Amino acid sequence: MTRVDLADAEAHLSELVAQAASEETVCTTRRGKLLARLIAPRTPRCPVALATLRTLTNFMPVQTETTGGFVGEMRDGDRY
């Protein structure tokens, strides 16, 4: 993590943005107190192929037991 005073950050903004883009956190300060943090944006998640997901779930058996009953049975049965 790089800490830079605000006056220096204004003078070298393009360099600091390049550092942030390369996954390094850059913090700007004024009189030693944190003002702002430059970080790279998170990469977006891959979209879910809905047709593939439906194909997969169509072959799964329908559960007749409730979630609470299933978890309770697991908890009570495996306790000791």
N, C-alpha and C. Protein backbone atom coordinates (compact mmCIF):
# COMPACT_ATOMS: atom_id res chain seq x y z
N MET A 1 0.85 -1.17 0.00
CA MET A 1 0.00 0.00 0.00
C MET A 1 0.90 1.23 0.00
N THR A 2 0.61 2.13 -0.91
CA THR A 2 1.36 3.36 -1.02
C THR A 2 0.57 4.49 -0.36
N ARG A 3 1.25 5.28 0.47
CA ARG A 3 0.61 6.45 1.10
C ARG A 3 1.25 7.70 0.50
N VAL A 4 0.40 8.61 0.03
CA VAL A 4 0.87 9.82 -0.65
C VAL A 4 0.11 11.02 -0.09
N ASP A 5 0.83 12.11 0.17
CA ASP A 5 0.21 13.35 0.60
C ASP A 5 -0.62 13.91 -0.56
N LEU A 6 -1.69 14.59 -0.24
CA LEU A 6 -2.61 15.10 -1.26
C LEU A 6 -1.91 15.98 -2.28
N ALA A 7 -1.02 16.85 -1.85
CA ALA A 7 -0.32 17.74 -2.79
C ALA A 7 0.51 16.93 -3.78
N ASP A 8 1.18 15.88 -3.30
CA ASP A 8 1.96 15.02 -4.20
C ASP A 8 1.05 14.21 -5.11
N ALA A 9 -0.10 13.80 -4.59
CA ALA A 9 -1.04 13.03 -5.39
C ALA A 9 -1.58 13.85 -6.55
N GLU A 10 -1.83 15.13 -6.31
CA GLU A 10 -2.30 16.00 -7.38
C GLU A 10 -1.25 16.13 -8.47
N ALA A 11 0.00 16.18 -8.09
CA ALA A 11 1.07 16.35 -9.07
C ALA A 11 1.36 15.07 -9.85
N HIS A 12 1.07 13.91 -9.24
CA HIS A 12 1.44 12.63 -9.87
C HIS A 12 0.23 11.71 -10.01
N LEU A 13 -0.92 12.27 -10.32
CA LEU A 13 -2.15 11.48 -10.36
C LEU A 13 -2.09 10.34 -11.37
N SER A 14 -1.59 10.59 -12.56
CA SER A 14 -1.59 9.54 -13.58
C SER A 14 -0.72 8.36 -13.14
N GLU A 15 0.40 8.62 -12.48
CA GLU A 15 1.25 7.53 -11.98
C GLU A 15 0.54 6.74 -10.88
N LEU A 16 -0.17 7.44 -10.00
CA LEU A 16 -0.88 6.77 -8.92
C LEU A 16 -2.04 5.93 -9.45
N VAL A 17 -2.72 6.42 -10.46
CA VAL A 17 -3.80 5.65 -11.07
C VAL A 17 -3.24 4.39 -11.73
N ALA A 18 -2.09 4.50 -12.35
CA ALA A 18 -1.46 3.32 -12.95
C ALA A 18 -1.09 2.30 -11.87
N GLN A 19 -0.62 2.76 -10.72
CA GLN A 19 -0.31 1.84 -9.62
C GLN A 19 -1.59 1.16 -9.14
N ALA A 20 -2.65 1.91 -8.99
CA ALA A 20 -3.92 1.34 -8.53
C ALA A 20 -4.46 0.34 -9.55
N ALA A 21 -4.28 0.63 -10.83
CA ALA A 21 -4.75 -0.29 -11.87
C ALA A 21 -3.99 -1.61 -11.84
N SER A 22 -2.77 -1.60 -11.32
CA SER A 22 -1.98 -2.83 -11.23
C SER A 22 -2.17 -3.51 -9.88
N GLU A 23 -3.37 -3.33 -9.30
CA GLU A 23 -3.78 -4.02 -8.06
C GLU A 23 -3.06 -3.55 -6.80
N GLU A 24 -2.44 -2.39 -6.83
CA GLU A 24 -1.82 -1.84 -5.62
C GLU A 24 -2.72 -0.75 -5.06
N THR A 25 -2.94 -0.76 -3.76
CA THR A 25 -3.78 0.25 -3.13
C THR A 25 -2.96 1.51 -2.90
N VAL A 26 -3.54 2.66 -3.26
CA VAL A 26 -2.88 3.94 -3.07
C VAL A 26 -3.76 4.78 -2.15
N CYS A 27 -3.21 5.23 -1.03
CA CYS A 27 -3.97 6.04 -0.07
C CYS A 27 -3.46 7.47 -0.12
N THR A 28 -4.37 8.42 -0.22
CA THR A 28 -3.99 9.82 -0.16
C THR A 28 -4.29 10.34 1.24
N THR A 29 -3.37 11.17 1.74
CA THR A 29 -3.49 11.68 3.10
C THR A 29 -3.36 13.20 3.12
N ARG A 30 -3.86 13.80 4.17
CA ARG A 30 -3.65 15.22 4.44
C ARG A 30 -3.28 15.33 5.91
N ARG A 31 -2.09 15.84 6.16
CA ARG A 31 -1.56 15.94 7.52
C ARG A 31 -1.55 14.60 8.23
N GLY A 32 -1.26 13.55 7.47
CA GLY A 32 -1.16 12.21 8.04
C GLY A 32 -2.47 11.47 8.20
N LYS A 33 -3.61 12.11 7.91
CA LYS A 33 -4.91 11.45 8.04
C LYS A 33 -5.39 10.98 6.67
N LEU A 34 -5.94 9.79 6.65
CA LEU A 34 -6.41 9.20 5.41
C LEU A 34 -7.58 10.00 4.84
N LEU A 35 -7.49 10.33 3.54
CA LEU A 35 -8.56 11.05 2.85
C LEU A 35 -9.30 10.16 1.87
N ALA A 36 -8.52 9.45 1.06
CA ALA A 36 -9.13 8.65 -0.01
C ALA A 36 -8.24 7.46 -0.31
N ARG A 37 -8.85 6.47 -0.95
CA ARG A 37 -8.12 5.26 -1.31
C ARG A 37 -8.41 4.95 -2.77
N LEU A 38 -7.36 4.78 -3.57
CA LEU A 38 -7.51 4.38 -4.97
C LEU A 38 -7.29 2.87 -5.04
N ILE A 39 -8.27 2.17 -5.60
CA ILE A 39 -8.15 0.73 -5.78
C ILE A 39 -8.64 0.36 -7.17
N ALA A 40 -8.18 -0.76 -7.67
CA ALA A 40 -8.62 -1.24 -8.98
C ALA A 40 -10.06 -1.74 -8.86
N PRO A 41 -10.87 -1.55 -9.88
CA PRO A 41 -12.25 -2.07 -9.82
C PRO A 41 -12.24 -3.59 -9.83
N ARG A 42 -13.26 -4.16 -9.19
CA ARG A 42 -13.40 -5.61 -9.19
C ARG A 42 -13.77 -6.08 -10.58
N THR A 43 -13.26 -7.24 -10.93
CA THR A 43 -13.61 -7.79 -12.24
C THR A 43 -15.04 -8.33 -12.17
N PRO A 44 -15.81 -8.11 -13.20
CA PRO A 44 -17.21 -8.57 -13.16
C PRO A 44 -17.29 -10.09 -13.18
N ARG A 45 -18.33 -10.60 -12.58
CA ARG A 45 -18.55 -12.04 -12.60
C ARG A 45 -19.00 -12.49 -13.98
N CYS A 46 -18.74 -13.74 -14.26
CA CYS A 46 -19.20 -14.32 -15.53
C CYS A 46 -20.70 -14.53 -15.45
N PRO A 47 -21.41 -14.25 -16.51
CA PRO A 47 -22.85 -14.47 -16.48
C PRO A 47 -23.16 -15.97 -16.42
N VAL A 48 -24.27 -16.30 -15.78
CA VAL A 48 -24.70 -17.68 -15.66
C VAL A 48 -25.46 -18.07 -16.91
N ALA A 49 -25.09 -19.22 -17.48
CA ALA A 49 -25.82 -19.74 -18.64
C ALA A 49 -27.09 -20.38 -18.12
N LEU A 50 -28.20 -19.69 -18.25
CA LEU A 50 -29.46 -20.12 -17.66
C LEU A 50 -29.92 -21.46 -18.25
N ALA A 51 -29.74 -21.66 -19.52
CA ALA A 51 -30.17 -22.91 -20.15
C ALA A 51 -29.39 -24.09 -19.59
N THR A 52 -28.09 -23.92 -19.38
CA THR A 52 -27.26 -24.98 -18.81
C THR A 52 -27.67 -25.27 -17.38
N LEU A 53 -27.96 -24.24 -16.62
CA LEU A 53 -28.38 -24.43 -15.23
C LEU A 53 -29.72 -25.16 -15.16
N ARG A 54 -30.64 -24.81 -16.03
CA ARG A 54 -31.94 -25.50 -16.05
C ARG A 54 -31.77 -26.96 -16.45
N THR A 55 -30.90 -27.25 -17.40
CA THR A 55 -30.64 -28.63 -17.80
C THR A 55 -30.11 -29.44 -16.62
N LEU A 56 -29.23 -28.86 -15.87
CA LEU A 56 -28.67 -29.54 -14.71
C LEU A 56 -29.72 -29.78 -13.63
N THR A 57 -30.51 -28.77 -13.33
CA THR A 57 -31.48 -28.90 -12.24
C THR A 57 -32.70 -29.73 -12.62
N ASN A 58 -32.98 -29.91 -13.90
CA ASN A 58 -34.12 -30.73 -14.31
C ASN A 58 -33.92 -32.19 -13.93
N PHE A 59 -32.68 -32.64 -13.81
CA PHE A 59 -32.41 -34.04 -13.48
C PHE A 59 -32.26 -34.26 -11.98
N MET A 60 -32.35 -33.22 -11.18
CA MET A 60 -32.25 -33.38 -9.73
C MET A 60 -33.60 -33.80 -9.16
N PRO A 61 -33.59 -34.72 -8.20
CA PRO A 61 -34.87 -35.14 -7.62
C PRO A 61 -35.44 -34.03 -6.74
N VAL A 62 -36.76 -33.97 -6.67
CA VAL A 62 -37.45 -32.99 -5.84
C VAL A 62 -37.34 -33.43 -4.38
N GLN A 63 -36.95 -32.53 -3.53
CA GLN A 63 -36.79 -32.84 -2.11
C GLN A 63 -38.15 -32.71 -1.42
N THR A 64 -38.53 -33.73 -0.67
CA THR A 64 -39.82 -33.70 0.03
C THR A 64 -39.68 -33.18 1.45
N GLU A 65 -38.49 -33.25 2.01
CA GLU A 65 -38.27 -32.81 3.38
C GLU A 65 -37.94 -31.32 3.40
N THR A 66 -38.41 -30.62 4.44
CA THR A 66 -38.11 -29.19 4.54
C THR A 66 -36.64 -28.99 4.92
N THR A 67 -36.15 -27.82 4.67
CA THR A 67 -34.77 -27.51 5.02
C THR A 67 -34.55 -27.58 6.52
N GLY A 68 -35.50 -27.03 7.28
CA GLY A 68 -35.37 -27.06 8.73
C GLY A 68 -35.34 -28.48 9.28
N GLY A 69 -36.19 -29.34 8.73
CA GLY A 69 -36.20 -30.74 9.16
C GLY A 69 -34.91 -31.45 8.81
N PHE A 70 -34.38 -31.18 7.63
CA PHE A 70 -33.14 -31.81 7.18
C PHE A 70 -31.96 -31.38 8.05
N VAL A 71 -31.84 -30.08 8.30
CA VAL A 71 -30.74 -29.57 9.12
C VAL A 71 -30.88 -30.05 10.56
N GLY A 72 -32.12 -30.06 11.07
CA GLY A 72 -32.34 -30.55 12.42
C GLY A 72 -31.96 -32.01 12.57
N GLU A 73 -32.30 -32.82 11.58
CA GLU A 73 -31.94 -34.24 11.61
C GLU A 73 -30.43 -34.43 11.55
N MET A 74 -29.75 -33.65 10.71
CA MET A 74 -28.29 -33.72 10.65
C MET A 74 -27.68 -33.32 11.98
N ARG A 75 -28.18 -32.25 12.56
CA ARG A 75 -27.64 -31.77 13.82
C ARG A 75 -27.85 -32.78 14.93
N ASP A 76 -29.06 -33.28 15.06
CA ASP A 76 -29.37 -34.21 16.15
C ASP A 76 -28.73 -35.57 15.93
N GLY A 77 -28.67 -36.03 14.71
CA GLY A 77 -28.13 -37.36 14.42
C GLY A 77 -26.62 -37.43 14.54
N ASP A 78 -25.92 -36.34 14.26
CA ASP A 78 -24.46 -36.35 14.27
C ASP A 78 -23.87 -35.67 15.48
N ARG A 79 -24.69 -35.36 16.45
CA ARG A 79 -24.20 -34.63 17.61
C ARG A 79 -23.21 -35.44 18.42
N TYR A 80 -23.52 -36.71 18.68
CA TYR A 80 -22.66 -37.52 19.56
C TYR A 80 -22.18 -38.77 18.87
